[in-house]
Amino acid sequence: MEPSIRTLIVDDEPYSRGELKHLLGTFPVIKIVGEAESGESAIVSAIQLQPDVVFLDVEMPKMNGMKAAKALLELKKAPLVVFATAYPQFAAEAFRYDAVDYLLKPYDEEQLQETIQRITKKFCSPSEPDIGKTSGKLAVENDGEILYLEPKDILYMVRDDKVSGWKAA
């Protein structure tokens, strides 16, 4: 079962939000959790809804998409950002805000599919390797000597004090 990617759509134009919502609805992995009509409401919605991805327009009144993206990146759980706009001239600047992609209106369905694939790869990476299968050993100082431990044998590690280093158990 594919995980659900929580998505927030931000655009000051209701028709653009509706079109993008419709197009994203064709991807089973995407779950639209909300919509916002301004940069300010995007930040509030992101805090409340905790989306994984925000599709963000650039040109909006008061706070534009670039300023909103900068604020979103400062959140504790920062979502991925995909700019969705009619203005190609902001593309280079968008990637300063770690944009996953820059979609131009009217939306090209093939390009949108590529964007969703890129996002899905970030969230659906192969499962973590089994730590018990790790071939290397971890060097740990314990009472002045170096111990080489198998990571699978370590239950936890604590720092005894600021000088003596780590102790493994």
N, C-alpha and C. Protein backbone atom coordinates (compact mmCIF):
# COMPACT_ATOMS: atom_id res chain seq x y z
N MET A 1 0.84 -1.19 0.00
CA MET A 1 0.00 0.00 0.00
C MET A 1 0.88 1.24 0.00
N GLU A 2 0.61 2.16 -0.91
CA GLU A 2 1.39 3.39 -0.99
C GLU A 2 0.97 4.33 0.14
N PRO A 3 1.93 5.04 0.70
CA PRO A 3 1.57 6.00 1.73
C PRO A 3 0.83 7.19 1.13
N SER A 4 0.13 7.89 1.96
CA SER A 4 -0.61 9.06 1.53
C SER A 4 0.26 10.30 1.76
N ILE A 5 0.42 11.10 0.73
CA ILE A 5 1.23 12.32 0.84
C ILE A 5 0.29 13.49 1.07
N ARG A 6 0.36 14.04 2.28
CA ARG A 6 -0.53 15.13 2.69
C ARG A 6 -0.14 16.41 1.95
N THR A 7 -1.13 17.00 1.26
CA THR A 7 -0.85 18.10 0.35
C THR A 7 -1.73 19.31 0.63
N LEU A 8 -1.11 20.49 0.63
CA LEU A 8 -1.80 21.77 0.80
C LEU A 8 -1.64 22.55 -0.50
N ILE A 9 -2.75 23.11 -1.00
CA ILE A 9 -2.74 23.91 -2.23
C ILE A 9 -2.92 25.38 -1.84
N VAL A 10 -2.01 26.23 -2.30
CA VAL A 10 -2.06 27.66 -1.96
C VAL A 10 -2.07 28.48 -3.24
N ASP A 11 -3.16 29.21 -3.46
CA ASP A 11 -3.29 30.08 -4.63
C ASP A 11 -4.40 31.08 -4.32
N ASP A 12 -4.19 32.34 -4.69
CA ASP A 12 -5.21 33.35 -4.42
C ASP A 12 -6.37 33.27 -5.42
N GLU A 13 -6.22 32.50 -6.49
CA GLU A 13 -7.28 32.37 -7.49
C GLU A 13 -8.04 31.06 -7.27
N PRO A 14 -9.33 31.14 -6.92
CA PRO A 14 -10.12 29.92 -6.65
C PRO A 14 -10.14 28.94 -7.82
N TYR A 15 -10.20 29.44 -9.05
CA TYR A 15 -10.24 28.55 -10.21
C TYR A 15 -8.93 27.78 -10.36
N SER A 16 -7.81 28.44 -10.10
CA SER A 16 -6.52 27.76 -10.17
C SER A 16 -6.40 26.70 -9.09
N ARG A 17 -6.87 27.03 -7.88
CA ARG A 17 -6.87 26.02 -6.80
C ARG A 17 -7.73 24.83 -7.20
N GLY A 18 -8.90 25.10 -7.77
CA GLY A 18 -9.81 24.04 -8.18
C GLY A 18 -9.21 23.15 -9.26
N GLU A 19 -8.55 23.77 -10.23
CA GLU A 19 -7.93 22.99 -11.31
C GLU A 19 -6.83 22.09 -10.76
N LEU A 20 -5.98 22.65 -9.91
CA LEU A 20 -4.89 21.86 -9.36
C LEU A 20 -5.43 20.75 -8.45
N LYS A 21 -6.47 21.06 -7.69
CA LYS A 21 -7.08 20.05 -6.83
C LYS A 21 -7.63 18.90 -7.68
N HIS A 22 -8.26 19.24 -8.78
CA HIS A 22 -8.79 18.21 -9.68
C HIS A 22 -7.67 17.35 -10.25
N LEU A 23 -6.60 17.99 -10.74
CA LEU A 23 -5.49 17.26 -11.34
C LEU A 23 -4.78 16.38 -10.30
N LEU A 24 -4.56 16.91 -9.12
CA LEU A 24 -3.89 16.13 -8.08
C LEU A 24 -4.76 14.98 -7.60
N GLY A 25 -6.07 15.14 -7.71
CA GLY A 25 -7.00 14.10 -7.31
C GLY A 25 -6.89 12.83 -8.14
N THR A 26 -6.22 12.92 -9.27
CA THR A 26 -6.05 11.73 -10.12
C THR A 26 -4.90 10.85 -9.65
N PHE A 27 -4.14 11.31 -8.67
CA PHE A 27 -3.01 10.55 -8.13
C PHE A 27 -3.40 9.97 -6.77
N PRO A 28 -3.55 8.65 -6.70
CA PRO A 28 -3.99 8.02 -5.45
C PRO A 28 -3.09 8.30 -4.25
N VAL A 29 -1.80 8.56 -4.49
CA VAL A 29 -0.86 8.79 -3.41
C VAL A 29 -1.05 10.18 -2.76
N ILE A 30 -1.70 11.09 -3.47
CA ILE A 30 -1.90 12.46 -2.98
C ILE A 30 -3.20 12.56 -2.19
N LYS A 31 -3.09 13.15 -1.00
CA LYS A 31 -4.28 13.42 -0.18
C LYS A 31 -4.31 14.93 0.08
N ILE A 32 -5.30 15.61 -0.50
CA ILE A 32 -5.43 17.05 -0.29
C ILE A 32 -5.97 17.26 1.13
N VAL A 33 -5.18 17.92 1.97
CA VAL A 33 -5.61 18.16 3.35
C VAL A 33 -6.14 19.57 3.56
N GLY A 34 -5.91 20.46 2.58
CA GLY A 34 -6.40 21.82 2.72
C GLY A 34 -6.04 22.71 1.57
N GLU A 35 -6.66 23.89 1.60
CA GLU A 35 -6.40 24.93 0.61
C GLU A 35 -6.22 26.25 1.35
N ALA A 36 -5.42 27.13 0.77
CA ALA A 36 -5.22 28.45 1.34
C ALA A 36 -5.18 29.45 0.19
N GLU A 37 -5.55 30.70 0.50
CA GLU A 37 -5.62 31.71 -0.56
C GLU A 37 -4.59 32.82 -0.44
N SER A 38 -3.67 32.69 0.51
CA SER A 38 -2.63 33.71 0.67
C SER A 38 -1.41 33.10 1.33
N GLY A 39 -0.31 33.84 1.29
CA GLY A 39 0.91 33.38 1.95
C GLY A 39 0.73 33.23 3.45
N GLU A 40 0.03 34.21 4.05
CA GLU A 40 -0.20 34.16 5.49
C GLU A 40 -1.03 32.94 5.87
N SER A 41 -2.12 32.71 5.13
CA SER A 41 -2.97 31.57 5.45
C SER A 41 -2.26 30.25 5.13
N ALA A 42 -1.31 30.26 4.22
CA ALA A 42 -0.52 29.06 3.93
C ALA A 42 0.29 28.64 5.15
N ILE A 43 0.89 29.62 5.80
CA ILE A 43 1.72 29.32 6.98
C ILE A 43 0.85 28.80 8.12
N VAL A 44 -0.28 29.47 8.36
CA VAL A 44 -1.19 29.03 9.42
C VAL A 44 -1.70 27.62 9.11
N SER A 45 -2.11 27.38 7.88
CA SER A 45 -2.60 26.06 7.48
C SER A 45 -1.52 25.00 7.60
N ALA A 46 -0.29 25.34 7.24
CA ALA A 46 0.81 24.38 7.33
C ALA A 46 1.08 24.00 8.78
N ILE A 47 0.98 24.96 9.67
CA ILE A 47 1.18 24.67 11.10
C ILE A 47 0.06 23.76 11.61
N GLN A 48 -1.17 24.06 11.22
CA GLN A 48 -2.33 23.30 11.69
C GLN A 48 -2.42 21.92 11.04
N LEU A 49 -2.21 21.83 9.73
CA LEU A 49 -2.48 20.61 8.97
C LEU A 49 -1.26 19.70 8.79
N GLN A 50 -0.06 20.23 9.01
CA GLN A 50 1.18 19.47 8.86
C GLN A 50 1.27 18.75 7.50
N PRO A 51 1.16 19.48 6.38
CA PRO A 51 1.26 18.82 5.08
C PRO A 51 2.68 18.35 4.80
N ASP A 52 2.79 17.36 3.94
CA ASP A 52 4.10 16.90 3.50
C ASP A 52 4.59 17.76 2.34
N VAL A 53 3.64 18.26 1.54
CA VAL A 53 3.95 19.05 0.34
C VAL A 53 3.00 20.23 0.27
N VAL A 54 3.53 21.37 -0.17
CA VAL A 54 2.70 22.56 -0.42
C VAL A 54 2.90 22.95 -1.88
N PHE A 55 1.79 23.01 -2.63
CA PHE A 55 1.80 23.56 -3.99
C PHE A 55 1.50 25.04 -3.82
N LEU A 56 2.45 25.90 -4.19
CA LEU A 56 2.42 27.30 -3.79
C LEU A 56 2.51 28.23 -5.00
N ASP A 57 1.52 29.12 -5.13
CA ASP A 57 1.55 30.15 -6.16
C ASP A 57 2.59 31.19 -5.77
N VAL A 58 3.14 31.90 -6.74
CA VAL A 58 4.15 32.92 -6.44
C VAL A 58 3.51 34.28 -6.22
N GLU A 59 2.73 34.75 -7.17
CA GLU A 59 2.14 36.08 -7.09
C GLU A 59 0.82 36.05 -6.34
N MET A 60 0.87 36.54 -5.10
CA MET A 60 -0.33 36.66 -4.27
C MET A 60 -0.24 37.98 -3.53
N PRO A 61 -1.39 38.56 -3.17
CA PRO A 61 -1.36 39.82 -2.44
C PRO A 61 -0.73 39.67 -1.06
N LYS A 62 -0.24 40.77 -0.53
CA LYS A 62 0.41 40.86 0.78
C LYS A 62 1.69 40.03 0.82
N MET A 63 1.62 38.75 1.18
CA MET A 63 2.82 37.92 1.26
C MET A 63 2.88 37.02 0.02
N ASN A 64 3.90 37.23 -0.81
CA ASN A 64 4.00 36.41 -2.02
C ASN A 64 4.51 35.00 -1.69
N GLY A 65 4.50 34.15 -2.69
CA GLY A 65 4.89 32.76 -2.50
C GLY A 65 6.33 32.57 -2.07
N MET A 66 7.23 33.43 -2.51
CA MET A 66 8.64 33.31 -2.12
C MET A 66 8.81 33.55 -0.62
N LYS A 67 8.15 34.59 -0.12
CA LYS A 67 8.22 34.87 1.32
C LYS A 67 7.55 33.76 2.12
N ALA A 68 6.45 33.25 1.59
CA ALA A 68 5.75 32.15 2.27
C ALA A 68 6.64 30.91 2.30
N ALA A 69 7.32 30.62 1.19
CA ALA A 69 8.21 29.45 1.12
C ALA A 69 9.33 29.57 2.15
N LYS A 70 9.88 30.77 2.27
CA LYS A 70 10.94 31.00 3.25
C LYS A 70 10.43 30.71 4.65
N ALA A 71 9.23 31.19 4.96
CA ALA A 71 8.64 30.95 6.28
C ALA A 71 8.33 29.47 6.49
N LEU A 72 7.85 28.80 5.46
CA LEU A 72 7.54 27.37 5.56
C LEU A 72 8.79 26.55 5.86
N LEU A 73 9.92 26.94 5.28
CA LEU A 73 11.17 26.22 5.50
C LEU A 73 11.65 26.34 6.95
N GLU A 74 11.18 27.36 7.65
CA GLU A 74 11.60 27.56 9.03
C GLU A 74 10.73 26.81 10.03
N LEU A 75 9.67 26.16 9.54
CA LEU A 75 8.81 25.39 10.44
C LEU A 75 9.54 24.16 10.95
N LYS A 76 9.12 23.69 12.12
CA LYS A 76 9.73 22.50 12.71
C LYS A 76 9.62 21.31 11.75
N LYS A 77 8.44 21.12 11.18
CA LYS A 77 8.22 20.06 10.18
C LYS A 77 7.99 20.78 8.84
N ALA A 78 9.06 21.14 8.19
CA ALA A 78 8.97 21.89 6.94
C ALA A 78 8.47 21.00 5.81
N PRO A 79 7.43 21.43 5.11
CA PRO A 79 6.94 20.64 3.97
C PRO A 79 7.82 20.87 2.74
N LEU A 80 7.73 19.96 1.80
CA LEU A 80 8.34 20.19 0.50
C LEU A 80 7.52 21.27 -0.20
N VAL A 81 8.14 22.03 -1.07
CA VAL A 81 7.45 23.10 -1.78
C VAL A 81 7.55 22.86 -3.29
N VAL A 82 6.38 22.96 -3.95
CA VAL A 82 6.31 22.94 -5.40
C VAL A 82 5.65 24.26 -5.78
N PHE A 83 6.36 25.08 -6.52
CA PHE A 83 5.76 26.33 -6.97
C PHE A 83 4.87 26.03 -8.17
N ALA A 84 3.67 26.60 -8.17
CA ALA A 84 2.69 26.42 -9.24
C ALA A 84 2.19 27.80 -9.62
N THR A 85 2.69 28.33 -10.72
CA THR A 85 2.47 29.74 -11.03
C THR A 85 2.41 29.99 -12.53
N ALA A 86 1.96 31.17 -12.90
CA ALA A 86 1.93 31.58 -14.30
C ALA A 86 3.16 32.41 -14.67
N TYR A 87 4.08 32.59 -13.73
CA TYR A 87 5.22 33.50 -13.93
C TYR A 87 6.53 32.73 -14.02
N PRO A 88 7.06 32.54 -15.24
CA PRO A 88 8.31 31.78 -15.39
C PRO A 88 9.54 32.51 -14.85
N GLN A 89 9.47 33.82 -14.71
CA GLN A 89 10.66 34.58 -14.33
C GLN A 89 11.14 34.35 -12.90
N PHE A 90 10.34 33.68 -12.06
CA PHE A 90 10.74 33.45 -10.68
C PHE A 90 11.36 32.06 -10.47
N ALA A 91 11.51 31.28 -11.54
CA ALA A 91 11.97 29.89 -11.41
C ALA A 91 13.33 29.78 -10.73
N ALA A 92 14.29 30.57 -11.13
CA ALA A 92 15.63 30.48 -10.54
C ALA A 92 15.58 30.79 -9.04
N GLU A 93 14.85 31.81 -8.67
CA GLU A 93 14.73 32.18 -7.26
C GLU A 93 14.04 31.08 -6.45
N ALA A 94 13.10 30.38 -7.06
CA ALA A 94 12.34 29.35 -6.36
C ALA A 94 13.24 28.26 -5.80
N PHE A 95 14.30 27.94 -6.49
CA PHE A 95 15.16 26.85 -6.04
C PHE A 95 16.06 27.26 -4.88
N ARG A 96 16.09 28.54 -4.55
CA ARG A 96 16.77 28.99 -3.33
C ARG A 96 15.99 28.53 -2.10
N TYR A 97 14.75 28.18 -2.31
CA TYR A 97 13.88 27.73 -1.22
C TYR A 97 13.65 26.23 -1.30
N ASP A 98 14.62 25.52 -1.85
CA ASP A 98 14.58 24.06 -1.95
C ASP A 98 13.33 23.54 -2.63
N ALA A 99 12.87 24.24 -3.65
CA ALA A 99 11.67 23.80 -4.38
C ALA A 99 11.91 22.44 -5.03
N VAL A 100 10.90 21.59 -4.94
CA VAL A 100 10.96 20.28 -5.59
C VAL A 100 10.76 20.46 -7.08
N ASP A 101 9.90 21.42 -7.45
CA ASP A 101 9.64 21.67 -8.86
C ASP A 101 9.01 23.05 -9.02
N TYR A 102 8.89 23.47 -10.27
CA TYR A 102 8.32 24.77 -10.63
C TYR A 102 7.38 24.53 -11.80
N LEU A 103 6.10 24.46 -11.52
CA LEU A 103 5.09 24.19 -12.54
C LEU A 103 4.50 25.48 -13.07
N LEU A 104 4.31 25.54 -14.37
CA LEU A 104 3.71 26.73 -14.98
C LEU A 104 2.26 26.47 -15.35
N LYS A 105 1.44 27.50 -15.14
CA LYS A 105 0.03 27.44 -15.56
C LYS A 105 -0.03 27.83 -17.03
N PRO A 106 -0.88 27.27 -17.82
CA PRO A 106 -1.77 26.15 -17.50
C PRO A 106 -0.93 24.90 -17.30
N TYR A 107 -1.37 24.06 -16.38
CA TYR A 107 -0.60 22.89 -15.99
C TYR A 107 -0.50 21.86 -17.11
N ASP A 108 0.70 21.34 -17.27
CA ASP A 108 0.95 20.26 -18.21
C ASP A 108 0.84 18.97 -17.40
N GLU A 109 -0.09 18.10 -17.76
CA GLU A 109 -0.36 16.90 -16.98
C GLU A 109 0.85 15.96 -16.92
N GLU A 110 1.63 15.91 -17.99
CA GLU A 110 2.82 15.06 -18.01
C GLU A 110 3.87 15.59 -17.03
N GLN A 111 4.04 16.91 -17.02
CA GLN A 111 5.00 17.52 -16.09
C GLN A 111 4.52 17.33 -14.65
N LEU A 112 3.23 17.44 -14.42
CA LEU A 112 2.68 17.23 -13.08
C LEU A 112 2.94 15.79 -12.64
N GLN A 113 2.79 14.85 -13.54
CA GLN A 113 3.05 13.45 -13.21
C GLN A 113 4.52 13.26 -12.81
N GLU A 114 5.43 13.90 -13.52
CA GLU A 114 6.85 13.83 -13.18
C GLU A 114 7.11 14.43 -11.80
N THR A 115 6.41 15.52 -11.49
CA THR A 115 6.55 16.15 -10.19
C THR A 115 6.08 15.21 -9.08
N ILE A 116 4.95 14.56 -9.29
CA ILE A 116 4.41 13.63 -8.30
C ILE A 116 5.37 12.46 -8.12
N GLN A 117 5.96 11.98 -9.20
CA GLN A 117 6.93 10.89 -9.09
C GLN A 117 8.13 11.33 -8.26
N ARG A 118 8.59 12.55 -8.47
CA ARG A 118 9.73 13.09 -7.72
C ARG A 118 9.39 13.19 -6.24
N ILE A 119 8.19 13.67 -5.93
CA ILE A 119 7.75 13.78 -4.55
C ILE A 119 7.61 12.40 -3.92
N THR A 120 7.02 11.49 -4.66
CA THR A 120 6.80 10.13 -4.15
C THR A 120 8.12 9.45 -3.81
N LYS A 121 9.14 9.67 -4.62
CA LYS A 121 10.46 9.09 -4.34
C LYS A 121 11.00 9.57 -3.00
N LYS A 122 10.73 10.83 -2.67
CA LYS A 122 11.22 11.37 -1.40
C LYS A 122 10.51 10.74 -0.20
N PHE A 123 9.25 10.37 -0.37
CA PHE A 123 8.49 9.81 0.73
C PHE A 123 8.43 8.29 0.73
N CYS A 124 8.70 7.68 -0.39
CA CYS A 124 8.57 6.23 -0.51
C CYS A 124 9.92 5.60 -0.79
N SER A 125 10.95 6.06 -0.09
CA SER A 125 12.27 5.50 -0.29
C SER A 125 12.29 4.06 0.22
N PRO A 126 13.21 3.26 -0.27
CA PRO A 126 13.28 1.88 0.18
C PRO A 126 13.38 1.81 1.70
N SER A 127 12.89 0.75 2.25
CA SER A 127 12.89 0.61 3.70
C SER A 127 14.31 0.66 4.24
N GLU A 128 14.42 1.07 5.49
CA GLU A 128 15.71 1.18 6.13
C GLU A 128 16.39 -0.18 6.20
N PRO A 129 17.69 -0.24 6.02
CA PRO A 129 18.36 -1.52 6.11
C PRO A 129 18.28 -2.07 7.53
N ASP A 130 18.27 -3.37 7.64
CA ASP A 130 18.24 -4.03 8.93
C ASP A 130 19.57 -3.78 9.62
N ILE A 131 19.55 -3.15 10.78
CA ILE A 131 20.80 -2.81 11.47
C ILE A 131 21.58 -4.06 11.84
N GLY A 132 20.91 -5.17 12.03
CA GLY A 132 21.58 -6.42 12.34
C GLY A 132 22.45 -6.92 11.20
N LYS A 133 22.23 -6.42 10.00
CA LYS A 133 22.99 -6.86 8.83
C LYS A 133 24.16 -5.93 8.53
N THR A 134 24.37 -4.92 9.37
CA THR A 134 25.45 -3.98 9.15
C THR A 134 26.78 -4.71 9.31
N SER A 135 27.67 -4.53 8.35
CA SER A 135 28.93 -5.28 8.39
C SER A 135 29.99 -4.59 9.23
N GLY A 136 29.94 -3.26 9.36
CA GLY A 136 30.98 -2.54 10.09
C GLY A 136 30.77 -2.56 11.59
N LYS A 137 31.84 -2.24 12.31
CA LYS A 137 31.76 -2.16 13.77
C LYS A 137 31.89 -0.70 14.17
N LEU A 138 31.39 -0.40 15.35
CA LEU A 138 31.42 0.95 15.87
C LEU A 138 32.49 1.03 16.95
N ALA A 139 33.40 2.00 16.82
CA ALA A 139 34.45 2.19 17.81
C ALA A 139 33.92 3.07 18.93
N VAL A 140 34.01 2.57 20.17
CA VAL A 140 33.51 3.29 21.34
C VAL A 140 34.59 3.28 22.41
N GLU A 141 34.86 4.46 22.99
CA GLU A 141 35.82 4.52 24.08
C GLU A 141 35.10 4.18 25.37
N ASN A 142 35.69 3.30 26.15
CA ASN A 142 35.11 2.91 27.43
C ASN A 142 36.24 2.75 28.43
N ASP A 143 36.27 3.62 29.44
CA ASP A 143 37.30 3.59 30.49
C ASP A 143 38.71 3.58 29.91
N GLY A 144 38.95 4.43 28.93
CA GLY A 144 40.29 4.60 28.37
C GLY A 144 40.67 3.60 27.30
N GLU A 145 39.83 2.64 27.00
CA GLU A 145 40.16 1.70 25.93
C GLU A 145 39.10 1.79 24.83
N ILE A 146 39.49 1.42 23.64
CA ILE A 146 38.58 1.45 22.49
C ILE A 146 37.98 0.06 22.32
N LEU A 147 36.66 0.01 22.31
CA LEU A 147 35.94 -1.23 22.06
C LEU A 147 35.32 -1.15 20.68
N TYR A 148 35.35 -2.25 19.95
CA TYR A 148 34.73 -2.32 18.64
C TYR A 148 33.47 -3.18 18.79
N LEU A 149 32.33 -2.51 18.67
CA LEU A 149 31.05 -3.17 18.93
C LEU A 149 30.26 -3.39 17.65
N GLU A 150 29.55 -4.50 17.62
CA GLU A 150 28.60 -4.75 16.54
C GLU A 150 27.40 -3.85 16.80
N PRO A 151 26.96 -3.04 15.82
CA PRO A 151 25.80 -2.18 16.04
C PRO A 151 24.55 -2.94 16.51
N LYS A 152 24.39 -4.17 16.06
CA LYS A 152 23.20 -4.95 16.46
C LYS A 152 23.23 -5.30 17.94
N ASP A 153 24.42 -5.25 18.57
CA ASP A 153 24.53 -5.59 19.98
C ASP A 153 24.31 -4.40 20.91
N ILE A 154 24.18 -3.20 20.35
CA ILE A 154 24.01 -2.00 21.17
C ILE A 154 22.52 -1.76 21.41
N LEU A 155 22.16 -1.67 22.67
CA LEU A 155 20.77 -1.38 23.04
C LEU A 155 20.57 0.12 23.16
N TYR A 156 21.53 0.80 23.78
CA TYR A 156 21.46 2.25 23.91
C TYR A 156 22.84 2.78 24.26
N MET A 157 23.03 4.11 24.10
CA MET A 157 24.29 4.75 24.47
C MET A 157 23.96 5.99 25.28
N VAL A 158 24.75 6.25 26.30
CA VAL A 158 24.59 7.46 27.11
C VAL A 158 25.95 8.10 27.33
N ARG A 159 25.94 9.38 27.51
CA ARG A 159 27.18 10.10 27.80
C ARG A 159 27.29 10.19 29.31
N ASP A 160 28.40 9.70 29.84
CA ASP A 160 28.60 9.65 31.29
C ASP A 160 28.86 11.05 31.84
N ASP A 161 29.77 11.77 31.22
CA ASP A 161 30.01 13.16 31.56
C ASP A 161 30.71 13.81 30.37
N LYS A 162 31.05 15.08 30.51
CA LYS A 162 31.60 15.80 29.36
C LYS A 162 33.02 15.38 29.00
N VAL A 163 33.73 14.72 29.90
CA VAL A 163 35.13 14.40 29.67
C VAL A 163 35.34 12.97 29.23
N SER A 164 34.68 12.01 29.85
CA SER A 164 35.05 10.61 29.65
C SER A 164 34.48 9.99 28.38
N GLY A 165 33.57 10.61 27.71
CA GLY A 165 33.06 10.04 26.45
C GLY A 165 31.78 9.24 26.65
N TRP A 166 31.54 8.33 25.72
CA TRP A 166 30.29 7.56 25.66
C TRP A 166 30.44 6.20 26.30
N LYS A 167 29.34 5.71 26.86
CA LYS A 167 29.31 4.33 27.36
C LYS A 167 28.20 3.61 26.63
N ALA A 168 28.47 2.41 26.18
CA ALA A 168 27.49 1.63 25.47
C ALA A 168 27.01 0.48 26.36
N ALA A 169 25.78 0.11 26.18
CA ALA A 169 25.25 -1.02 26.95
C ALA A 169 24.51 -1.95 26.01
